[in-house]
C-alpha atoms as a PDB file:
ATOM      1  CA  UNK A   1      17.736 -14.555 -14.213  1.00  0.00           C
ATOM      2  CA  UNK A   2      18.915 -17.739 -12.511  1.00  0.00           C
ATOM      3  CA  UNK A   3      18.771 -21.443 -13.274  1.00  0.00           C
ATOM      4  CA  UNK A   4      15.979 -22.926 -11.168  1.00  0.00           C
ATOM      5  CA  UNK A   5      15.926 -26.578 -12.106  1.00  0.00           C
ATOM      6  CA  UNK A   6      16.752 -29.213 -14.699  1.00  0.00           C
ATOM      7  CA  UNK A   7      14.272 -31.933 -15.715  1.00  0.00           C
ATOM      8  CA  UNK A   8      15.540 -35.261 -17.057  1.00  0.00           C
ATOM      9  CA  UNK A   9      13.521 -38.019 -18.755  1.00  0.00           C
ATOM     10  CA  UNK A  10      12.885 -41.320 -16.987  1.00  0.00           C
ATOM     11  CA  UNK A  11      11.732 -44.556 -18.589  1.00  0.00           C
ATOM     12  CA  UNK A  12      11.229 -46.229 -15.180  1.00  0.00           C
ATOM     13  CA  UNK A  13      10.343 -43.480 -12.722  1.00  0.00           C
ATOM     14  CA  UNK A  14      10.688 -45.605  -9.578  1.00  0.00           C
ATOM     15  CA  UNK A  15      14.124 -46.866 -10.585  1.00  0.00           C
ATOM     16  CA  UNK A  16      15.299 -43.356 -11.355  1.00  0.00           C
ATOM     17  CA  UNK A  17      13.935 -42.028  -8.058  1.00  0.00           C
ATOM     18  CA  UNK A  18      15.837 -44.721  -6.171  1.00  0.00           C
ATOM     19  CA  UNK A  19      19.002 -43.907  -8.106  1.00  0.00           C
ATOM     20  CA  UNK A  20      18.912 -40.179  -7.383  1.00  0.00           C
ATOM     21  CA  UNK A  21      18.069 -40.786  -3.730  1.00  0.00           C
ATOM     22  CA  UNK A  22      21.180 -42.986  -3.606  1.00  0.00           C
ATOM     23  CA  UNK A  23      23.142 -40.021  -4.993  1.00  0.00           C
ATOM     24  CA  UNK A  24      21.923 -37.975  -2.027  1.00  0.00           C
ATOM     25  CA  UNK A  25      19.039 -35.969  -3.497  1.00  0.00           C
ATOM     26  CA  UNK A  26      15.914 -35.538  -1.339  1.00  0.00           C
ATOM     27  CA  UNK A  27      12.532 -36.327  -2.903  1.00  0.00           C
ATOM     28  CA  UNK A  28      10.036 -33.484  -2.306  1.00  0.00           C
ATOM     29  CA  UNK A  29       7.356 -33.997  -5.006  1.00  0.00           C
ATOM     30  CA  UNK A  30       6.044 -37.224  -6.506  1.00  0.00           C
ATOM     31  CA  UNK A  31       3.224 -38.105  -8.898  1.00  0.00           C
ATOM     32  CA  UNK A  32       2.728 -41.060 -11.265  1.00  0.00           C
ATOM     33  CA  UNK A  33       4.674 -39.255 -13.999  1.00  0.00           C
ATOM     34  CA  UNK A  34       6.856 -36.722 -12.185  1.00  0.00           C
ATOM     35  CA  UNK A  35       9.313 -36.379  -9.298  1.00  0.00           C
ATOM     36  CA  UNK A  36      11.261 -33.419  -7.978  1.00  0.00           C
ATOM     37  CA  UNK A  37      14.252 -33.334  -5.638  1.00  0.00           C
ATOM     38  CA  UNK A  38      16.146 -30.850  -3.533  1.00  0.00           C
ATOM     39  CA  UNK A  39      19.925 -30.899  -3.609  1.00  0.00           C
ATOM     40  CA  UNK A  40      21.939 -31.154  -0.356  1.00  0.00           C
ATOM     41  CA  UNK A  41      23.303 -27.624  -0.974  1.00  0.00           C
ATOM     42  CA  UNK A  42      21.989 -24.619  -2.872  1.00  0.00           C
ATOM     43  CA  UNK A  43      18.502 -23.633  -4.000  1.00  0.00           C
ATOM     44  CA  UNK A  44      18.309 -25.374  -7.380  1.00  0.00           C
ATOM     45  CA  UNK A  45      16.083 -28.425  -7.760  1.00  0.00           C
ATOM     46  CA  UNK A  46      16.247 -31.446 -10.049  1.00  0.00           C
ATOM     47  CA  UNK A  47      13.260 -33.276 -11.496  1.00  0.00           C
ATOM     48  CA  UNK A  48      12.297 -36.356 -13.495  1.00  0.00           C
ATOM     49  CA  UNK A  49       9.515 -36.768 -16.036  1.00  0.00           C
ATOM     50  CA  UNK A  50       8.330 -40.196 -17.125  1.00  0.00           C
ATOM     51  CA  UNK A  51       8.447 -40.707 -20.883  1.00  0.00           C
ATOM     52  CA  UNK A  52       7.727 -43.471 -23.351  1.00  0.00           C
ATOM     53  CA  UNK A  53      10.038 -44.531 -26.136  1.00  0.00           C
ATOM     54  CA  UNK A  54      13.769 -44.283 -26.549  1.00  0.00           C
ATOM     55  CA  UNK A  55      15.787 -41.749 -24.570  1.00  0.00           C
ATOM     56  CA  UNK A  56      18.822 -40.530 -26.548  1.00  0.00           C
ATOM     57  CA  UNK A  57      22.202 -41.470 -25.108  1.00  0.00           C
ATOM     58  CA  UNK A  58      24.323 -39.420 -27.500  1.00  0.00           C
ATOM     59  CA  UNK A  59      24.101 -35.725 -28.382  1.00  0.00           C
ATOM     60  CA  UNK A  60      21.892 -35.253 -25.322  1.00  0.00           C
ATOM     61  CA  UNK A  61      22.250 -32.935 -22.319  1.00  0.00           C
ATOM     62  CA  UNK A  62      24.678 -33.928 -19.574  1.00  0.00           C
ATOM     63  CA  UNK A  63      23.910 -33.542 -15.868  1.00  0.00           C
ATOM     64  CA  UNK A  64      26.654 -32.284 -13.540  1.00  0.00           C
ATOM     65  CA  UNK A  65      26.723 -32.633  -9.747  1.00  0.00           C
ATOM     66  CA  UNK A  66      29.579 -30.896  -7.928  1.00  0.00           C
ATOM     67  CA  UNK A  67      31.297 -32.097  -4.751  1.00  0.00           C
ATOM     68  CA  UNK A  68      34.115 -30.840  -2.594  1.00  0.00           C
ATOM     69  CA  UNK A  69      37.540 -32.108  -3.626  1.00  0.00           C
ATOM     70  CA  UNK A  70      37.800 -34.709  -0.860  1.00  0.00           C
ATOM     71  CA  UNK A  71      34.067 -35.423  -0.960  1.00  0.00           C
ATOM     72  CA  UNK A  72      34.236 -36.420  -4.618  1.00  0.00           C
ATOM     73  CA  UNK A  73      36.640 -39.294  -3.924  1.00  0.00           C
ATOM     74  CA  UNK A  74      34.561 -40.638  -1.051  1.00  0.00           C
ATOM     75  CA  UNK A  75      31.329 -40.309  -3.046  1.00  0.00           C
ATOM     76  CA  UNK A  76      32.716 -42.263  -5.988  1.00  0.00           C
ATOM     77  CA  UNK A  77      33.911 -45.010  -3.656  1.00  0.00           C
ATOM     78  CA  UNK A  78      30.561 -45.077  -1.810  1.00  0.00           C
ATOM     79  CA  UNK A  79      28.608 -45.470  -5.031  1.00  0.00           C
ATOM     80  CA  UNK A  80      30.919 -48.204  -6.299  1.00  0.00           C
ATOM     81  CA  UNK A  81      30.462 -50.070  -3.023  1.00  0.00           C
ATOM     82  CA  UNK A  82      26.690 -49.757  -3.531  1.00  0.00           C
ATOM     83  CA  UNK A  83      27.015 -51.431  -6.949  1.00  0.00           C
ATOM     84  CA  UNK A  84      26.898 -48.369  -9.204  1.00  0.00           C
ATOM     85  CA  UNK A  85      28.948 -48.729 -12.400  1.00  0.00           C
ATOM     86  CA  UNK A  86      31.023 -45.875 -13.815  1.00  0.00           C
ATOM     87  CA  UNK A  87      31.646 -45.390 -17.531  1.00  0.00           C
ATOM     88  CA  UNK A  88      34.724 -43.206 -16.929  1.00  0.00           C
ATOM     89  CA  UNK A  89      36.870 -43.281 -13.828  1.00  0.00           C
ATOM     90  CA  UNK A  90      37.758 -40.218 -11.796  1.00  0.00           C
ATOM     91  CA  UNK A  91      40.438 -38.169 -13.597  1.00  0.00           C
ATOM     92  CA  UNK A  92      41.806 -34.616 -13.689  1.00  0.00           C
ATOM     93  CA  UNK A  93      40.864 -33.097 -17.040  1.00  0.00           C
ATOM     94  CA  UNK A  94      42.946 -30.584 -19.003  1.00  0.00           C
ATOM     95  CA  UNK A  95      40.333 -27.913 -18.153  1.00  0.00           C
ATOM     96  CA  UNK A  96      41.185 -28.420 -14.429  1.00  0.00           C
ATOM     97  CA  UNK A  97      38.021 -30.290 -13.410  1.00  0.00           C
ATOM     98  CA  UNK A  98      38.193 -33.689 -11.692  1.00  0.00           C
ATOM     99  CA  UNK A  99      35.435 -35.808 -13.243  1.00  0.00           C
ATOM    100  CA  UNK A 100      33.875 -39.266 -13.054  1.00  0.00           C
ATOM    101  CA  UNK A 101      31.063 -40.277 -15.427  1.00  0.00           C
ATOM    102  CA  UNK A 102      28.122 -42.660 -15.039  1.00  0.00           C
ATOM    103  CA  UNK A 103      24.528 -43.050 -16.262  1.00  0.00           C
ATOM    104  CA  UNK A 104      21.208 -43.129 -14.479  1.00  0.00           C
ATOM    105  CA  UNK A 105      18.686 -45.966 -15.118  1.00  0.00           C
ATOM    106  CA  UNK A 106      17.256 -44.086 -18.125  1.00  0.00           C
ATOM    107  CA  UNK A 107      20.685 -43.680 -19.702  1.00  0.00           C
ATOM    108  CA  UNK A 108      21.131 -39.969 -18.944  1.00  0.00           C
ATOM    109  CA  UNK A 109      24.828 -39.060 -18.715  1.00  0.00           C
ATOM    110  CA  UNK A 110      25.909 -37.821 -15.280  1.00  0.00           C
ATOM    111  CA  UNK A 111      29.189 -36.227 -14.282  1.00  0.00           C
ATOM    112  CA  UNK A 112      30.284 -36.162 -10.646  1.00  0.00           C
ATOM    113  CA  UNK A 113      32.997 -33.563 -10.426  1.00  0.00           C
ATOM    114  CA  UNK A 114      34.987 -30.994  -8.488  1.00  0.00           C
ATOM    115  CA  UNK A 115      36.043 -27.738 -10.125  1.00  0.00           C
ATOM    116  CA  UNK A 116      36.217 -25.237  -7.273  1.00  0.00           C
ATOM    117  CA  UNK A 117      36.975 -21.740  -8.534  1.00  0.00           C
ATOM    118  CA  UNK A 118      37.795 -23.156 -11.987  1.00  0.00           C
ATOM    119  CA  UNK A 119      34.089 -23.786 -12.616  1.00  0.00           C
ATOM    120  CA  UNK A 120      33.304 -20.098 -13.138  1.00  0.00           C
ATOM    121  CA  UNK A 121      36.682 -18.453 -12.812  1.00  0.00           C
ATOM    122  CA  UNK A 122      39.252 -20.503 -14.756  1.00  0.00           C
ATOM    123  CA  UNK A 123      42.577 -18.860 -15.666  1.00  0.00           C
ATOM    124  CA  UNK A 124      41.305 -18.358 -19.252  1.00  0.00           C
ATOM    125  CA  UNK A 125      38.017 -16.629 -18.337  1.00  0.00           C
ATOM    126  CA  UNK A 126      37.353 -14.042 -21.054  1.00  0.00           C
ATOM    127  CA  UNK A 127      35.553 -11.210 -19.248  1.00  0.00           C
ATOM    128  CA  UNK A 128      37.013  -8.219 -17.397  1.00  0.00           C
ATOM    129  CA  UNK A 129      40.229  -8.840 -15.481  1.00  0.00           C
ATOM    130  CA  UNK A 130      39.630  -9.452 -11.764  1.00  0.00           C
ATOM    131  CA  UNK A 131      41.638  -6.453 -10.598  1.00  0.00           C
ATOM    132  CA  UNK A 132      44.074  -6.143  -7.705  1.00  0.00           C
ATOM    133  CA  UNK A 133      44.513  -8.880  -5.125  1.00  0.00           C
ATOM    134  CA  UNK A 134      43.623  -6.586  -2.242  1.00  0.00           C
ATOM    135  CA  UNK A 135      40.107  -7.624  -1.232  1.00  0.00           C
ATOM    136  CA  UNK A 136      39.441  -8.784   2.335  1.00  0.00           C
ATOM    137  CA  UNK A 137      36.159 -10.328   3.437  1.00  0.00           C
ATOM    138  CA  UNK A 138      35.306  -9.449   7.040  1.00  0.00           C
ATOM    139  CA  UNK A 139      32.720 -11.679   8.677  1.00  0.00           C
ATOM    140  CA  UNK A 140      30.712  -9.913  11.379  1.00  0.00           C
ATOM    141  CA  UNK A 141      27.923 -11.220  13.603  1.00  0.00           C
ATOM    142  CA  UNK A 142      25.135 -10.245  11.208  1.00  0.00           C
ATOM    143  CA  UNK A 143      26.825  -8.926   8.071  1.00  0.00           C
ATOM    144  CA  UNK A 144      29.776  -9.107   5.716  1.00  0.00           C
ATOM    145  CA  UNK A 145      32.202  -6.316   4.856  1.00  0.00           C
ATOM    146  CA  UNK A 146      34.539  -6.241   1.869  1.00  0.00           C
ATOM    147  CA  UNK A 147      37.501  -3.916   2.304  1.00  0.00           C
ATOM    148  CA  UNK A 148      40.287  -2.948  -0.049  1.00  0.00           C
ATOM    149  CA  UNK A 149      43.636  -3.106   1.733  1.00  0.00           C
ATOM    150  CA  UNK A 150      47.232  -3.586   0.608  1.00  0.00           C
ATOM    151  CA  UNK A 151      48.322  -4.707   4.092  1.00  0.00           C
ATOM    152  CA  UNK A 152      48.396  -8.363   3.041  1.00  0.00           C
ATOM    153  CA  UNK A 153      47.486 -11.357   5.167  1.00  0.00           C
ATOM    154  CA  UNK A 154      48.218  -9.490   8.413  1.00  0.00           C
ATOM    155  CA  UNK A 155      45.474  -6.936   7.747  1.00  0.00           C
ATOM    156  CA  UNK A 156      43.151  -8.907  10.028  1.00  0.00           C
ATOM    157  CA  UNK A 157      44.849  -7.369  13.067  1.00  0.00           C
ATOM    158  CA  UNK A 158      43.536  -3.914  12.162  1.00  0.00           C
ATOM    159  CA  UNK A 159      40.148  -5.303  11.180  1.00  0.00           C
ATOM    160  CA  UNK A 160      39.818  -7.042  14.541  1.00  0.00           C
ATOM    161  CA  UNK A 161      40.267  -3.799  16.446  1.00  0.00           C
ATOM    162  CA  UNK A 162      38.065  -1.848  14.056  1.00  0.00           C
ATOM    163  CA  UNK A 163      34.916  -3.964  14.472  1.00  0.00           C
ATOM    164  CA  UNK A 164      33.484  -4.834  17.887  1.00  0.00           C
ATOM    165  CA  UNK A 165      31.585  -7.814  16.430  1.00  0.00           C
ATOM    166  CA  UNK A 166      34.513  -9.061  14.307  1.00  0.00           C
ATOM    167  CA  UNK A 167      34.473 -12.854  13.886  1.00  0.00           C
ATOM    168  CA  UNK A 168      37.149 -13.464  11.257  1.00  0.00           C
ATOM    169  CA  UNK A 169      38.476 -12.154   7.949  1.00  0.00           C
ATOM    170  CA  UNK A 170      39.631 -13.841   4.747  1.00  0.00           C
ATOM    171  CA  UNK A 171      42.033 -12.453   2.179  1.00  0.00           C
ATOM    172  CA  UNK A 172      43.632 -10.932   0.324  1.00  0.00           C
ATOM    173  CA  UNK A 173      41.779 -12.074  -2.810  1.00  0.00           C
ATOM    174  CA  UNK A 174      41.166 -10.746  -6.273  1.00  0.00           C
ATOM    175  CA  UNK A 175      37.581 -10.417  -7.485  1.00  0.00           C
ATOM    176  CA  UNK A 176      37.304 -13.899  -8.998  1.00  0.00           C
ATOM    177  CA  UNK A 177      38.827 -15.581  -5.944  1.00  0.00           C
ATOM    178  CA  UNK A 178      36.478 -13.699  -3.633  1.00  0.00           C
ATOM    179  CA  UNK A 179      33.330 -14.476  -5.631  1.00  0.00           C
ATOM    180  CA  UNK A 180      34.312 -18.126  -5.941  1.00  0.00           C
ATOM    181  CA  UNK A 181      34.938 -18.415  -2.197  1.00  0.00           C
ATOM    182  CA  UNK A 182      31.622 -16.822  -1.344  1.00  0.00           C
ATOM    183  CA  UNK A 183      29.655 -18.874  -3.876  1.00  0.00           C
ATOM    184  CA  UNK A 184      30.977 -22.051  -2.278  1.00  0.00           C
ATOM    185  CA  UNK A 185      30.625 -21.014   1.379  1.00  0.00           C
ATOM    186  CA  UNK A 186      27.688 -18.555   1.344  1.00  0.00           C
ATOM    187  CA  UNK A 187      25.751 -19.013  -1.920  1.00  0.00           C
ATOM    188  CA  UNK A 188      22.570 -17.558  -0.435  1.00  0.00           C
ATOM    189  CA  UNK A 189      24.343 -14.236   0.185  1.00  0.00           C
ATOM    190  CA  UNK A 190      26.581 -13.728  -2.833  1.00  0.00           C
ATOM    191  CA  UNK A 191      23.945 -14.324  -5.519  1.00  0.00           C
ATOM    192  CA  UNK A 192      21.939 -11.197  -4.731  1.00  0.00           C
ATOM    193  CA  UNK A 193      25.092  -9.105  -4.269  1.00  0.00           C
ATOM    194  CA  UNK A 194      27.143 -10.323  -7.234  1.00  0.00           C
ATOM    195  CA  UNK A 195      26.754  -7.238  -9.419  1.00  0.00           C
ATOM    196  CA  UNK A 196      27.140  -4.853  -6.481  1.00  0.00           C
ATOM    197  CA  UNK A 197      30.399  -6.535  -5.435  1.00  0.00           C
ATOM    198  CA  UNK A 198      31.745  -6.199  -8.976  1.00  0.00           C
ATOM    199  CA  UNK A 199      30.720  -2.536  -9.071  1.00  0.00           C
ATOM    200  CA  UNK A 200      32.417  -1.922  -5.733  1.00  0.00           C
ATOM    201  CA  UNK A 201      35.669  -3.509  -6.907  1.00  0.00           C
ATOM    202  CA  UNK A 202      35.672  -1.347 -10.047  1.00  0.00           C
ATOM    203  CA  UNK A 203      34.901   1.834  -8.090  1.00  0.00           C
ATOM    204  CA  UNK A 204      37.086   4.097  -5.926  1.00  0.00           C
ATOM    205  CA  UNK A 205      35.174   3.050  -2.789  1.00  0.00           C
ATOM    206  CA  UNK A 206      37.163   1.299  -0.068  1.00  0.00           C
ATOM    207  CA  UNK A 207      34.377  -0.441   1.860  1.00  0.00           C
ATOM    208  CA  UNK A 208      31.227  -2.388   0.978  1.00  0.00           C
ATOM    209  CA  UNK A 209      28.916  -3.917   3.609  1.00  0.00           C
ATOM    210  CA  UNK A 210      25.969  -6.232   3.050  1.00  0.00           C
END
């Protein structure tokens, strides 16, 4: 299972479309009562549905859009320059997310934020421990290889000679660091391999290629 899209209510569909296009979303479907957008990165979509009557402002779902650390600052400044008002200024929260809050024309609460690996892999994550910090991601011409090695940051020298199509390697990482890195840089690859990567890390195998 994966999250495909989120649909938010809109009291003025045209105004909401203009707002989300200003945020950087790309309109791909439009009807008199509905609009759907693609995000600049990733496969998830976001949509709007025109409604009548009051739209709740409290005890209602919140919409989160994530940016890179530096990109978040520039995005907040760009939107302010375009006349967008923020309810809460950009701040580092105690849960290690940098957040700024605003509302769309219908009153839906929106958070622009950066969390990095702390989004899914915060220090207090409650599932299985990530294991040893010995995972190296080797990037080849047409594939990825994950190797277990205790050689540290200099392990790339052996990897370079071991693969004729070696491009670069990253590591060492533990499981959470590796998954977080890949979800940010190569989300289209890691999603389908997530469980297999976990199984590899927990096994006695030394090499996993995909």
